[in-house]
C-alpha atoms as a PDB file:
ATOM      1  CA  ASN A   1      -2.753  15.804   4.358  1.00  0.00           C
ATOM      2  CA  LEU A   2       0.056  13.418   4.838  1.00  0.00           C
ATOM      3  CA  ALA A   3      -0.236  11.277   1.572  1.00  0.00           C
ATOM      4  CA  VAL A   4       3.326  10.749  -0.581  1.00  0.00           C
ATOM      5  CA  PRO A   5       3.186   9.519  -3.984  1.00  0.00           C
ATOM      6  CA  GLY A   6       4.382   5.729  -3.872  1.00  0.00           C
ATOM      7  CA  SER A   7       3.685   5.496  -0.272  1.00  0.00           C
ATOM      8  CA  SER A   8       2.506   1.640   1.182  1.00  0.00           C
ATOM      9  CA  THR A   9       0.126   1.639   4.187  1.00  0.00           C
ATOM     10  CA  LEU A  10       2.858   0.878   6.046  1.00  0.00           C
ATOM     11  CA  TYR A  11       4.837   3.760   5.659  1.00  0.00           C
ATOM     12  CA  GLU A  12       1.593   5.753   5.523  1.00  0.00           C
ATOM     13  CA  VAL A  13       0.568   4.616   9.071  1.00  0.00           C
ATOM     14  CA  ASP A  14       3.904   5.195  10.660  1.00  0.00           C
ATOM     15  CA  ARG A  15       3.745   8.551   9.223  1.00  0.00           C
ATOM     16  CA  LEU A  16       0.284   9.337  10.516  1.00  0.00           C
ATOM     17  CA  GLU A  17       1.897   7.732  14.100  1.00  0.00           C
ATOM     18  CA  GLN A  18       4.516   9.625  13.976  1.00  0.00           C
ATOM     19  CA  PHE A  19       2.677  13.359  13.162  1.00  0.00           C
ATOM     20  CA  LEU A  20       0.399  12.743  16.483  1.00  0.00           C
ATOM     21  CA  LYS A  21       3.382  11.362  18.669  1.00  0.00           C
ATOM     22  CA  THR A  22       5.804  14.188  17.391  1.00  0.00           C
ATOM     23  CA  LYS A  23       4.037  16.774  16.242  1.00  0.00           C
ATOM     24  CA  ASN A  24       1.050  16.518  18.810  1.00  0.00           C
ATOM     25  CA  TRP A  25      -1.798  16.424  16.296  1.00  0.00           C
ATOM     26  CA  LYS A  26      -5.481  15.862  17.661  1.00  0.00           C
ATOM     27  CA  PRO A  27      -7.232  15.357  14.220  1.00  0.00           C
ATOM     28  CA  LYS A  28     -11.000  14.598  14.993  1.00  0.00           C
ATOM     29  CA  GLU A  29     -11.043  12.842  11.749  1.00  0.00           C
ATOM     30  CA  VAL A  30      -8.696  10.825   9.468  1.00  0.00           C
ATOM     31  CA  HIS A  31      -9.877   9.858   6.026  1.00  0.00           C
ATOM     32  CA  PHE A  32      -7.514   6.918   4.840  1.00  0.00           C
ATOM     33  CA  PHE A  33      -7.240   5.886   1.234  1.00  0.00           C
ATOM     34  CA  PHE A  34      -6.273   2.435  -0.665  1.00  0.00           C
ATOM     35  CA  PHE A  35      -5.565   2.396  -4.066  1.00  0.00           C
ATOM     36  CA  THR A  36      -6.369  -1.355  -5.495  1.00  0.00           C
ATOM     37  CA  GLY A  37      -3.758  -0.349  -8.148  1.00  0.00           C
ATOM     38  CA  ASN A  38      -0.703  -0.146  -6.742  1.00  0.00           C
ATOM     39  CA  ASP A  39      -0.785  -0.609  -2.990  1.00  0.00           C
ATOM     40  CA  PHE A  40      -1.156  -4.131  -1.999  1.00  0.00           C
ATOM     41  CA  GLY A  41       2.470  -4.056  -4.749  1.00  0.00           C
ATOM     42  CA  ASP A  42       3.705  -1.093  -2.274  1.00  0.00           C
ATOM     43  CA  ASN A  43       2.760  -3.132   0.898  1.00  0.00           C
ATOM     44  CA  LEU A  44       4.913  -6.279  -0.653  1.00  0.00           C
ATOM     45  CA  ALA A  45       7.579  -4.152  -1.113  1.00  0.00           C
ATOM     46  CA  ALA A  46       7.586  -2.124   2.220  1.00  0.00           C
ATOM     47  CA  ASP A  47       7.364  -5.113   4.200  1.00  0.00           C
ATOM     48  CA  ASP A  48       9.863  -7.278   2.267  1.00  0.00           C
ATOM     49  CA  LYS A  49      12.303  -3.887   3.031  1.00  0.00           C
ATOM     50  CA  ARG A  50      11.336  -3.523   6.363  1.00  0.00           C
ATOM     51  CA  SER A  51      12.008  -7.012   7.395  1.00  0.00           C
ATOM     52  CA  LYS A  52      15.238  -6.917   6.038  1.00  0.00           C
ATOM     53  CA  GLY A  53      15.793  -3.604   8.524  1.00  0.00           C
ATOM     54  CA  GLN A  54      15.990  -1.524   5.495  1.00  0.00           C
ATOM     55  CA  PRO A  55      14.264   1.774   5.316  1.00  0.00           C
ATOM     56  CA  PHE A  56      10.623   1.633   3.152  1.00  0.00           C
ATOM     57  CA  GLU A  57       9.713   4.864   3.058  1.00  0.00           C
ATOM     58  CA  PRO A  58       9.029   6.259  -0.278  1.00  0.00           C
ATOM     59  CA  VAL A  59      11.791   7.656  -2.875  1.00  0.00           C
ATOM     60  CA  GLU A  60      10.454  11.012  -2.727  1.00  0.00           C
ATOM     61  CA  MET A  61      10.983  10.593   0.802  1.00  0.00           C
ATOM     62  CA  ASN A  62      14.310   9.126   0.997  1.00  0.00           C
ATOM     63  CA  LEU A  63      16.267   9.766  -2.045  1.00  0.00           C
ATOM     64  CA  ASN A  64      19.756   7.960  -1.675  1.00  0.00           C
ATOM     65  CA  PRO A  65      21.861   8.013  -5.116  1.00  0.00           C
ATOM     66  CA  GLN A  66      24.897   6.222  -3.630  1.00  0.00           C
ATOM     67  CA  ALA A  67      23.019   3.533  -2.273  1.00  0.00           C
ATOM     68  CA  ASP A  68      21.843   2.290  -6.144  1.00  0.00           C
ATOM     69  CA  GLU A  69      25.501   2.476  -7.218  1.00  0.00           C
ATOM     70  CA  GLU A  70      26.032  -0.377  -4.916  1.00  0.00           C
ATOM     71  CA  LYS A  71      24.138  -2.676  -7.207  1.00  0.00           C
ATOM     72  CA  GLY A  72      24.246  -4.454 -10.348  1.00  0.00           C
ATOM     73  CA  LEU A  73      22.773  -3.055 -13.767  1.00  0.00           C
ATOM     74  CA  VAL A  74      19.757  -5.261 -13.931  1.00  0.00           C
ATOM     75  CA  GLU A  75      18.858  -5.021 -10.166  1.00  0.00           C
ATOM     76  CA  SER A  76      19.443  -1.155 -10.444  1.00  0.00           C
ATOM     77  CA  VAL A  77      16.929  -1.087 -13.148  1.00  0.00           C
ATOM     78  CA  ILE A  78      14.338  -2.889 -11.636  1.00  0.00           C
ATOM     79  CA  ASP A  79      14.663  -1.208  -8.413  1.00  0.00           C
ATOM     80  CA  PHE A  80      14.349   2.511 -10.197  1.00  0.00           C
ATOM     81  CA  GLY A  81      11.588   1.357 -12.365  1.00  0.00           C
ATOM     82  CA  LEU A  82       9.621  -0.050  -9.155  1.00  0.00           C
ATOM     83  CA  LYS A  83      10.707   3.490  -6.890  1.00  0.00           C
ATOM     84  CA  HIS A  84       9.405   5.554  -9.797  1.00  0.00           C
ATOM     85  CA  SER A  85       6.549   3.854 -11.482  1.00  0.00           C
ATOM     86  CA  ASN A  86       3.350   3.215  -9.914  1.00  0.00           C
ATOM     87  CA  LEU A  87       2.569   1.481 -13.370  1.00  0.00           C
ATOM     88  CA  LEU A  88       5.756  -0.772 -13.191  1.00  0.00           C
ATOM     89  CA  ARG A  89       4.699  -1.490  -9.386  1.00  0.00           C
ATOM     90  CA  VAL A  90       1.637  -2.974 -10.691  1.00  0.00           C
ATOM     91  CA  ALA A  91       2.842  -4.910 -13.405  1.00  0.00           C
ATOM     92  CA  TYR A  92       5.564  -6.313 -10.999  1.00  0.00           C
ATOM     93  CA  TYR A  93       3.255  -7.757  -8.596  1.00  0.00           C
ATOM     94  CA  LYS A  94      -0.316  -8.286 -10.220  1.00  0.00           C
ATOM     95  CA  VAL A  95       0.753  -8.667 -13.750  1.00  0.00           C
ATOM     96  CA  LEU A  96       4.000 -10.739 -13.725  1.00  0.00           C
ATOM     97  CA  PRO A  97       2.529 -13.979 -12.314  1.00  0.00           C
ATOM     98  CA  VAL A  98      -0.520 -14.017 -14.661  1.00  0.00           C
ATOM     99  CA  ILE A  99       1.963 -13.629 -17.712  1.00  0.00           C
ATOM    100  CA  ARG A 100       4.076 -16.561 -16.081  1.00  0.00           C
ATOM    101  CA  ASN A 101       0.984 -18.106 -16.122  1.00  0.00           C
ATOM    102  CA  ASP A 102       0.989 -18.684 -12.303  1.00  0.00           C
ATOM    103  CA  PRO A 103      -2.309 -18.248 -10.748  1.00  0.00           C
ATOM    104  CA  GLU A 104      -0.935 -19.602  -7.397  1.00  0.00           C
ATOM    105  CA  GLU A 105       1.562 -17.056  -7.422  1.00  0.00           C
ATOM    106  CA  ALA A 106      -0.386 -14.560  -7.827  1.00  0.00           C
ATOM    107  CA  GLN A 107      -3.055 -15.555  -5.381  1.00  0.00           C
ATOM    108  CA  ALA A 108      -0.163 -16.113  -2.862  1.00  0.00           C
ATOM    109  CA  GLN A 109       1.294 -12.434  -3.427  1.00  0.00           C
ATOM    110  CA  LEU A 110      -2.422 -11.049  -3.233  1.00  0.00           C
ATOM    111  CA  ALA A 111      -2.991 -13.418   0.348  1.00  0.00           C
ATOM    112  CA  LYS A 112       0.415 -11.942   1.411  1.00  0.00           C
ATOM    113  CA  ALA A 113      -0.329  -8.250   0.690  1.00  0.00           C
ATOM    114  CA  LEU A 114      -4.167  -8.711   2.453  1.00  0.00           C
ATOM    115  CA  THR A 115      -2.608  -9.850   5.587  1.00  0.00           C
ATOM    116  CA  ILE A 116       0.053  -6.927   5.546  1.00  0.00           C
ATOM    117  CA  THR A 117      -2.934  -4.716   4.829  1.00  0.00           C
ATOM    118  CA  GLN A 118      -4.761  -6.355   7.922  1.00  0.00           C
ATOM    119  CA  LYS A 119      -1.960  -5.547  10.373  1.00  0.00           C
ATOM    120  CA  GLU A 120      -2.114  -1.946   9.279  1.00  0.00           C
ATOM    121  CA  PHE A 121      -5.386  -1.552   9.227  1.00  0.00           C
ATOM    122  CA  ALA A 122      -5.572  -2.602  12.633  1.00  0.00           C
ATOM    123  CA  ARG A 123      -2.411  -0.301  13.752  1.00  0.00           C
ATOM    124  CA  LEU A 124      -4.897   2.712  12.488  1.00  0.00           C
ATOM    125  CA  GLU A 125      -7.506   1.285  14.362  1.00  0.00           C
ATOM    126  CA  SER A 126      -5.163   0.856  17.612  1.00  0.00           C
ATOM    127  CA  LEU A 127      -3.894   5.036  16.527  1.00  0.00           C
ATOM    128  CA  SER A 128      -7.683   6.234  16.548  1.00  0.00           C
ATOM    129  CA  GLN A 129      -8.484   4.575  20.282  1.00  0.00           C
ATOM    130  CA  GLN A 130      -5.204   5.813  21.562  1.00  0.00           C
ATOM    131  CA  TYR A 131      -5.427   9.116  20.121  1.00  0.00           C
ATOM    132  CA  GLY A 132      -9.405   9.666  20.120  1.00  0.00           C
ATOM    133  CA  PHE A 133      -9.996  10.840  16.466  1.00  0.00           C
ATOM    134  CA  GLN A 134     -12.633   8.768  14.187  1.00  0.00           C
ATOM    135  CA  TYR A 135     -11.510   7.165  10.932  1.00  0.00           C
ATOM    136  CA  GLN A 136     -12.601   6.507   7.594  1.00  0.00           C
ATOM    137  CA  LEU A 137     -11.084   3.931   4.833  1.00  0.00           C
ATOM    138  CA  TYR A 138     -12.132   4.273   1.073  1.00  0.00           C
ATOM    139  CA  SER A 139     -11.131   2.018  -1.618  1.00  0.00           C
ATOM    140  CA  ILE A 140     -10.130   3.903  -4.859  1.00  0.00           C
ATOM    141  CA  PHE A 141     -10.278   1.305  -8.062  1.00  0.00           C
ATOM    142  CA  PRO A 142      -8.618   1.583 -11.391  1.00  0.00           C
ATOM    143  CA  GLU A 143     -10.625   1.554 -14.479  1.00  0.00           C
ATOM    144  CA  PRO A 144     -10.044  -1.793 -15.288  1.00  0.00           C
ATOM    145  CA  GLU A 145     -11.261  -3.469 -12.274  1.00  0.00           C
ATOM    146  CA  ILE A 146     -14.180  -1.487 -12.232  1.00  0.00           C
ATOM    147  CA  LYS A 147     -15.568  -2.253 -15.997  1.00  0.00           C
ATOM    148  CA  HIS A 148     -14.504  -5.689 -15.721  1.00  0.00           C
ATOM    149  CA  GLU A 149     -16.228  -5.835 -12.006  1.00  0.00           C
ATOM    150  CA  LYS A 150     -12.963  -7.246 -10.459  1.00  0.00           C
ATOM    151  CA  TYR A 151     -13.249  -4.367  -8.066  1.00  0.00           C
ATOM    152  CA  LEU A 152     -16.242  -6.502  -6.345  1.00  0.00           C
ATOM    153  CA  GLU A 153     -14.211  -9.327  -5.471  1.00  0.00           C
ATOM    154  CA  ILE A 154     -10.725  -7.379  -4.513  1.00  0.00           C
ATOM    155  CA  GLY A 155     -13.236  -5.050  -2.425  1.00  0.00           C
ATOM    156  CA  LYS A 156     -14.613  -7.938  -0.706  1.00  0.00           C
ATOM    157  CA  GLN A 157     -11.001  -9.004   0.128  1.00  0.00           C
ATOM    158  CA  LEU A 158     -10.101  -5.737   0.884  1.00  0.00           C
ATOM    159  CA  GLN A 159     -13.150  -5.466   3.407  1.00  0.00           C
ATOM    160  CA  ASP A 160     -12.456  -8.678   5.176  1.00  0.00           C
ATOM    161  CA  VAL A 161      -9.166  -7.615   6.450  1.00  0.00           C
ATOM    162  CA  SER A 162     -10.809  -4.440   7.472  1.00  0.00           C
ATOM    163  CA  PRO A 163     -11.638  -3.379  10.858  1.00  0.00           C
ATOM    164  CA  LYS A 164     -14.674  -1.362   9.847  1.00  0.00           C
ATOM    165  CA  PRO A 165     -16.473  -1.046   6.684  1.00  0.00           C
ATOM    166  CA  ILE A 166     -14.820   0.568   3.561  1.00  0.00           C
ATOM    167  CA  VAL A 167     -16.090   2.660   1.389  1.00  0.00           C
ATOM    168  CA  MET A 168     -16.131   1.369  -2.023  1.00  0.00           C
ATOM    169  CA  LEU A 169     -15.327   3.906  -4.565  1.00  0.00           C
ATOM    170  CA  GLY A 170     -15.867   1.694  -7.486  1.00  0.00           C
ATOM    171  CA  ASP A 171     -19.228   1.417  -6.889  1.00  0.00           C
ATOM    172  CA  LEU A 172     -19.892   5.180  -7.845  1.00  0.00           C
ATOM    173  CA  PHE A 173     -18.658   4.561 -11.619  1.00  0.00           C
END
């Protein structure tokens, strides 16, 4: 189990690749879970950090209190919240654009997150072929997305960027 709380798809695929290469792992199967509640936002944040040459591993893997001391108060509070709270990441990347009543911004962020996710799913597919393991993708949805059947639309969008069928766990509920 390579899962790390608060990790992005970028980090998870990097971590898998590292274990395949450096620890000589030879899994027969890989089960990859994508949580629509915060993984899109985590992917946006990780991609932004990666593009700036900054580390993007989850805070649980890289505690660096000195880096936070160099920031201003507001930036530090926002950064702390985004590092330590799935709820705040969801609010920042999914809810805030809606509250601002900017559906175009919300759609643009989702489209960018889907593009990032598509690239990482393609990397997973490539690793599967290179290292000879089978993999299955699963999508987990937060309860409100299931209750309001929003998971159907989000699930379709996620499926559209996947190289293989995704098991949509929202249907189970």
